[in-house]
Amino acid sequence: MKRLLTVAELAAYLDVAPADLYEFFERGRGDGLPAIRIGGEWHVPLEEFSDWLLRFAEKNKS
């Protein structure tokens, strides 16, 4: 079973404001943060987030 984090849980884990994460939701498909909406709340699959974060870091490495 996949571990899902709410936006608040992910923000706390990353030590960022939840509002900062919504920018990544708005990027859309492809580069956007992997998230699913359950009811009125966004959830992020932890395993997919880890993969996305590695790709994001590689892509933005300068």
PDB file of N, CA and C in Angstrom:
ATOM      1  N   MET A   1       0.835  -1.181   0.000  1.00  0.00           N
ATOM      2  CA  MET A   1       0.000   0.000   0.000  1.00  0.00           C
ATOM      3  C   MET A   1       0.880   1.245   0.000  1.00  0.00           C
ATOM      4  N   LYS A   2       0.510   2.225  -0.812  1.00  0.00           N
ATOM      5  CA  LYS A   2       1.282   3.445  -0.910  1.00  0.00           C
ATOM      6  C   LYS A   2       1.059   4.323   0.317  1.00  0.00           C
ATOM      7  N   ARG A   3       2.134   4.960   0.729  1.00  0.00           N
ATOM      8  CA  ARG A   3       2.046   5.934   1.819  1.00  0.00           C
ATOM      9  C   ARG A   3       1.726   7.282   1.210  1.00  0.00           C
ATOM     10  N   LEU A   4       0.598   7.861   1.599  1.00  0.00           N
ATOM     11  CA  LEU A   4       0.185   9.163   1.101  1.00  0.00           C
ATOM     12  C   LEU A   4       0.371  10.208   2.190  1.00  0.00           C
ATOM     13  N   LEU A   5       0.914  11.344   1.798  1.00  0.00           N
ATOM     14  CA  LEU A   5       1.064  12.463   2.717  1.00  0.00           C
ATOM     15  C   LEU A   5       0.138  13.585   2.276  1.00  0.00           C
ATOM     16  N   THR A   6      -0.486  14.237   3.224  1.00  0.00           N
ATOM     17  CA  THR A   6      -1.258  15.427   2.897  1.00  0.00           C
ATOM     18  C   THR A   6      -0.266  16.558   2.628  1.00  0.00           C
ATOM     19  N   VAL A   7      -0.755  17.653   2.070  1.00  0.00           N
ATOM     20  CA  VAL A   7       0.105  18.805   1.815  1.00  0.00           C
ATOM     21  C   VAL A   7       0.705  19.306   3.130  1.00  0.00           C
ATOM     22  N   ALA A   8      -0.099  19.348   4.184  1.00  0.00           N
ATOM     23  CA  ALA A   8       0.396  19.810   5.484  1.00  0.00           C
ATOM     24  C   ALA A   8       1.503  18.891   6.012  1.00  0.00           C
ATOM     25  N   GLU A   9       1.320  17.574   5.862  1.00  0.00           N
ATOM     26  CA  GLU A   9       2.345  16.631   6.324  1.00  0.00           C
ATOM     27  C   GLU A   9       3.625  16.773   5.514  1.00  0.00           C
ATOM     28  N   LEU A  10       3.490  16.902   4.193  1.00  0.00           N
ATOM     29  CA  LEU A  10       4.667  17.051   3.340  1.00  0.00           C
ATOM     30  C   LEU A  10       5.377  18.361   3.641  1.00  0.00           C
ATOM     31  N   ALA A  11       4.620  19.428   3.842  1.00  0.00           N
ATOM     32  CA  ALA A  11       5.217  20.723   4.174  1.00  0.00           C
ATOM     33  C   ALA A  11       5.988  20.648   5.491  1.00  0.00           C
ATOM     34  N   ALA A  12       5.420  19.980   6.476  1.00  0.00           N
ATOM     35  CA  ALA A  12       6.107  19.819   7.756  1.00  0.00           C
ATOM     36  C   ALA A  12       7.377  18.989   7.579  1.00  0.00           C
ATOM     37  N   TYR A  13       7.291  17.927   6.788  1.00  0.00           N
ATOM     38  CA  TYR A  13       8.438  17.054   6.506  1.00  0.00           C
ATOM     39  C   TYR A  13       9.569  17.839   5.843  1.00  0.00           C
ATOM     40  N   LEU A  14       9.213  18.733   4.913  1.00  0.00           N
ATOM     41  CA  LEU A  14      10.202  19.510   4.175  1.00  0.00           C
ATOM     42  C   LEU A  14      10.559  20.823   4.871  1.00  0.00           C
ATOM     43  N   ASP A  15       9.832  21.161   5.922  1.00  0.00           N
ATOM     44  CA  ASP A  15      10.010  22.415   6.658  1.00  0.00           C
ATOM     45  C   ASP A  15       9.814  23.628   5.750  1.00  0.00           C
ATOM     46  N   VAL A  16       8.703  23.606   5.013  1.00  0.00           N
ATOM     47  CA  VAL A  16       8.301  24.727   4.159  1.00  0.00           C
ATOM     48  C   VAL A  16       6.833  25.033   4.442  1.00  0.00           C
ATOM     49  N   ALA A  17       6.399  26.192   3.986  1.00  0.00           N
ATOM     50  CA  ALA A  17       4.995  26.557   4.142  1.00  0.00           C
ATOM     51  C   ALA A  17       4.156  25.761   3.141  1.00  0.00           C
ATOM     52  N   PRO A  18       2.977  25.297   3.542  1.00  0.00           N
ATOM     53  CA  PRO A  18       2.119  24.566   2.597  1.00  0.00           C
ATOM     54  C   PRO A  18       1.850  25.357   1.323  1.00  0.00           C
ATOM     55  N   ALA A  19       1.719  26.661   1.430  1.00  0.00           N
ATOM     56  CA  ALA A  19       1.446  27.486   0.247  1.00  0.00           C
ATOM     57  C   ALA A  19       2.574  27.372  -0.784  1.00  0.00           C
ATOM     58  N   ASP A  20       3.795  27.151  -0.327  1.00  0.00           N
ATOM     59  CA  ASP A  20       4.926  27.010  -1.249  1.00  0.00           C
ATOM     60  C   ASP A  20       4.787  25.765  -2.126  1.00  0.00           C
ATOM     61  N   LEU A  21       4.134  24.740  -1.612  1.00  0.00           N
ATOM     62  CA  LEU A  21       3.982  23.505  -2.378  1.00  0.00           C
ATOM     63  C   LEU A  21       2.954  23.642  -3.504  1.00  0.00           C
ATOM     64  N   TYR A  22       1.971  24.519  -3.325  1.00  0.00           N
ATOM     65  CA  TYR A  22       0.922  24.640  -4.331  1.00  0.00           C
ATOM     66  C   TYR A  22       1.457  25.130  -5.673  1.00  0.00           C
ATOM     67  N   GLU A  23       2.567  25.846  -5.668  1.00  0.00           N
ATOM     68  CA  GLU A  23       3.190  26.265  -6.933  1.00  0.00           C
ATOM     69  C   GLU A  23       3.543  25.038  -7.774  1.00  0.00           C
ATOM     70  N   PHE A  24       4.006  23.989  -7.129  1.00  0.00           N
ATOM     71  CA  PHE A  24       4.375  22.772  -7.845  1.00  0.00           C
ATOM     72  C   PHE A  24       3.148  22.025  -8.365  1.00  0.00           C
ATOM     73  N   PHE A  25       2.026  22.104  -7.654  1.00  0.00           N
ATOM     74  CA  PHE A  25       0.805  21.483  -8.148  1.00  0.00           C
ATOM     75  C   PHE A  25       0.356  22.151  -9.436  1.00  0.00           C
ATOM     76  N   GLU A  26       0.567  23.461  -9.509  1.00  0.00           N
ATOM     77  CA  GLU A  26       0.080  24.244 -10.640  1.00  0.00           C
ATOM     78  C   GLU A  26       0.923  24.070 -11.899  1.00  0.00           C
ATOM     79  N   ARG A  27       2.060  23.434 -11.802  1.00  0.00           N
ATOM     80  CA  ARG A  27       2.906  23.248 -12.979  1.00  0.00           C
ATOM     81  C   ARG A  27       2.292  22.291 -13.984  1.00  0.00           C
ATOM     82  N   GLY A  28       1.327  21.524 -13.550  1.00  0.00           N
ATOM     83  CA  GLY A  28       0.641  20.621 -14.473  1.00  0.00           C
ATOM     84  C   GLY A  28       1.353  19.305 -14.640  1.00  0.00           C
ATOM     85  N   ARG A  29       0.949  18.576 -15.645  1.00  0.00           N
ATOM     86  CA  ARG A  29       1.499  17.243 -15.908  1.00  0.00           C
ATOM     87  C   ARG A  29       2.956  17.348 -16.349  1.00  0.00           C
ATOM     88  N   GLY A  30       3.659  16.265 -16.224  1.00  0.00           N
ATOM     89  CA  GLY A  30       5.058  16.249 -16.638  1.00  0.00           C
ATOM     90  C   GLY A  30       5.967  16.633 -15.487  1.00  0.00           C
ATOM     91  N   ASP A  31       6.207  17.916 -15.339  1.00  0.00           N
ATOM     92  CA  ASP A  31       7.122  18.381 -14.295  1.00  0.00           C
ATOM     93  C   ASP A  31       6.434  18.623 -12.958  1.00  0.00           C
ATOM     94  N   GLY A  32       5.116  18.581 -12.948  1.00  0.00           N
ATOM     95  CA  GLY A  32       4.381  18.904 -11.732  1.00  0.00           C
ATOM     96  C   GLY A  32       4.579  17.878 -10.639  1.00  0.00           C
ATOM     97  N   LEU A  33       4.385  18.326  -9.438  1.00  0.00           N
ATOM     98  CA  LEU A  33       4.480  17.460  -8.277  1.00  0.00           C
ATOM     99  C   LEU A  33       3.466  16.329  -8.408  1.00  0.00           C
ATOM    100  N   PRO A  34       3.872  15.084  -8.199  1.00  0.00           N
ATOM    101  CA  PRO A  34       2.922  13.973  -8.305  1.00  0.00           C
ATOM    102  C   PRO A  34       1.946  14.028  -7.133  1.00  0.00           C
ATOM    103  N   ALA A  35       0.705  14.282  -7.425  1.00  0.00           N
ATOM    104  CA  ALA A  35      -0.281  14.395  -6.358  1.00  0.00           C
ATOM    105  C   ALA A  35      -1.635  13.914  -6.868  1.00  0.00           C
ATOM    106  N   ILE A  36      -2.437  13.464  -5.937  1.00  0.00           N
ATOM    107  CA  ILE A  36      -3.800  13.066  -6.259  1.00  0.00           C
ATOM    108  C   ILE A  36      -4.731  13.807  -5.311  1.00  0.00           C
ATOM    109  N   ARG A  37      -5.910  14.038  -5.784  1.00  0.00           N
ATOM    110  CA  ARG A  37      -6.898  14.732  -4.969  1.00  0.00           C
ATOM    111  C   ARG A  37      -7.887  13.698  -4.442  1.00  0.00           C
ATOM    112  N   ILE A  38      -8.033  13.681  -3.141  1.00  0.00           N
ATOM    113  CA  ILE A  38      -8.986  12.785  -2.491  1.00  0.00           C
ATOM    114  C   ILE A  38      -9.939  13.680  -1.718  1.00  0.00           C
ATOM    115  N   GLY A  39     -11.180  13.693  -2.161  1.00  0.00           N
ATOM    116  CA  GLY A  39     -12.129  14.632  -1.570  1.00  0.00           C
ATOM    117  C   GLY A  39     -11.678  16.042  -1.898  1.00  0.00           C
ATOM    118  N   GLY A  40     -11.551  16.877  -0.914  1.00  0.00           N
ATOM    119  CA  GLY A  40     -11.116  18.247  -1.136  1.00  0.00           C
ATOM    120  C   GLY A  40      -9.671  18.476  -0.785  1.00  0.00           C
ATOM    121  N   GLU A  41      -8.889  17.403  -0.631  1.00  0.00           N
ATOM    122  CA  GLU A  41      -7.526  17.565  -0.147  1.00  0.00           C
ATOM    123  C   GLU A  41      -6.524  16.874  -1.073  1.00  0.00           C
ATOM    124  N   TRP A  42      -5.393  17.547  -1.292  1.00  0.00           N
ATOM    125  CA  TRP A  42      -4.323  16.958  -2.089  1.00  0.00           C
ATOM    126  C   TRP A  42      -3.498  16.011  -1.239  1.00  0.00           C
ATOM    127  N   HIS A  43      -3.100  14.888  -1.856  1.00  0.00           N
ATOM    128  CA  HIS A  43      -2.219  13.910  -1.217  1.00  0.00           C
ATOM    129  C   HIS A  43      -1.072  13.598  -2.177  1.00  0.00           C
ATOM    130  N   VAL A  44       0.096  13.390  -1.606  1.00  0.00           N
ATOM    131  CA  VAL A  44       1.290  13.110  -2.399  1.00  0.00           C
ATOM    132  C   VAL A  44       1.796  11.713  -2.026  1.00  0.00           C
ATOM    133  N   PRO A  45       1.895  10.809  -3.019  1.00  0.00           N
ATOM    134  CA  PRO A  45       2.481   9.489  -2.744  1.00  0.00           C
ATOM    135  C   PRO A  45       3.967   9.658  -2.423  1.00  0.00           C
ATOM    136  N   LEU A  46       4.390   9.236  -1.246  1.00  0.00           N
ATOM    137  CA  LEU A  46       5.753   9.478  -0.778  1.00  0.00           C
ATOM    138  C   LEU A  46       6.811   8.900  -1.713  1.00  0.00           C
ATOM    139  N   GLU A  47       6.589   7.680  -2.206  1.00  0.00           N
ATOM    140  CA  GLU A  47       7.578   7.054  -3.093  1.00  0.00           C
ATOM    141  C   GLU A  47       7.712   7.835  -4.405  1.00  0.00           C
ATOM    142  N   GLU A  48       6.584   8.247  -4.972  1.00  0.00           N
ATOM    143  CA  GLU A  48       6.625   9.017  -6.213  1.00  0.00           C
ATOM    144  C   GLU A  48       7.237  10.394  -5.976  1.00  0.00           C
ATOM    145  N   PHE A  49       7.008  10.962  -4.784  1.00  0.00           N
ATOM    146  CA  PHE A  49       7.596  12.265  -4.468  1.00  0.00           C
ATOM    147  C   PHE A  49       9.112  12.162  -4.434  1.00  0.00           C
ATOM    148  N   SER A  50       9.629  11.105  -3.833  1.00  0.00           N
ATOM    149  CA  SER A  50      11.084  10.918  -3.764  1.00  0.00           C
ATOM    150  C   SER A  50      11.689  10.862  -5.163  1.00  0.00           C
ATOM    151  N   ASP A  51      11.057  10.109  -6.058  1.00  0.00           N
ATOM    152  CA  ASP A  51      11.527  10.023  -7.445  1.00  0.00           C
ATOM    153  C   ASP A  51      11.450  11.381  -8.132  1.00  0.00           C
ATOM    154  N   TRP A  52      10.335  12.099  -7.927  1.00  0.00           N
ATOM    155  CA  TRP A  52      10.151  13.408  -8.533  1.00  0.00           C
ATOM    156  C   TRP A  52      11.211  14.394  -8.030  1.00  0.00           C
ATOM    157  N   LEU A  53      11.489  14.342  -6.739  1.00  0.00           N
ATOM    158  CA  LEU A  53      12.456  15.258  -6.144  1.00  0.00           C
ATOM    159  C   LEU A  53      13.847  15.040  -6.733  1.00  0.00           C
ATOM    160  N   LEU A  54      14.225  13.794  -6.952  1.00  0.00           N
ATOM    161  CA  LEU A  54      15.518  13.507  -7.572  1.00  0.00           C
ATOM    162  C   LEU A  54      15.577  14.040  -8.999  1.00  0.00           C
ATOM    163  N   ARG A  55      14.509  13.826  -9.776  1.00  0.00           N
ATOM    164  CA  ARG A  55      14.462  14.354 -11.149  1.00  0.00           C
ATOM    165  C   ARG A  55      14.484  15.876 -11.149  1.00  0.00           C
ATOM    166  N   PHE A  56      13.730  16.489 -10.236  1.00  0.00           N
ATOM    167  CA  PHE A  56      13.679  17.944 -10.137  1.00  0.00           C
ATOM    168  C   PHE A  56      15.061  18.511  -9.810  1.00  0.00           C
ATOM    169  N   ALA A  57      15.761  17.884  -8.872  1.00  0.00           N
ATOM    170  CA  ALA A  57      17.096  18.349  -8.484  1.00  0.00           C
ATOM    171  C   ALA A  57      18.076  18.218  -9.644  1.00  0.00           C
ATOM    172  N   GLU A  58      18.027  17.100 -10.358  1.00  0.00           N
ATOM    173  CA  GLU A  58      18.904  16.890 -11.511  1.00  0.00           C
ATOM    174  C   GLU A  58      18.641  17.927 -12.604  1.00  0.00           C
ATOM    175  N   LYS A  59      17.369  18.160 -12.868  1.00  0.00           N
ATOM    176  CA  LYS A  59      16.975  19.096 -13.919  1.00  0.00           C
ATOM    177  C   LYS A  59      17.403  20.519 -13.593  1.00  0.00           C
ATOM    178  N   ASN A  60      17.366  20.882 -12.319  1.00  0.00           N
ATOM    179  CA  ASN A  60      17.663  22.248 -11.911  1.00  0.00           C
ATOM    180  C   ASN A  60      19.074  22.431 -11.376  1.00  0.00           C
ATOM    181  N   LYS A  61      19.894  21.422 -11.540  1.00  0.00           N
ATOM    182  CA  LYS A  61      21.276  21.510 -11.100  1.00  0.00           C
ATOM    183  C   LYS A  61      22.032  22.486 -11.992  1.00  0.00           C
ATOM    184  N   SER A  62      22.776  23.364 -11.385  1.00  0.00           N
ATOM    185  CA  SER A  62      23.554  24.338 -12.187  1.00  0.00           C
ATOM    186  C   SER A  62      24.994  24.342 -11.759  1.00  0.00           C
TER     187      SER A  62
END
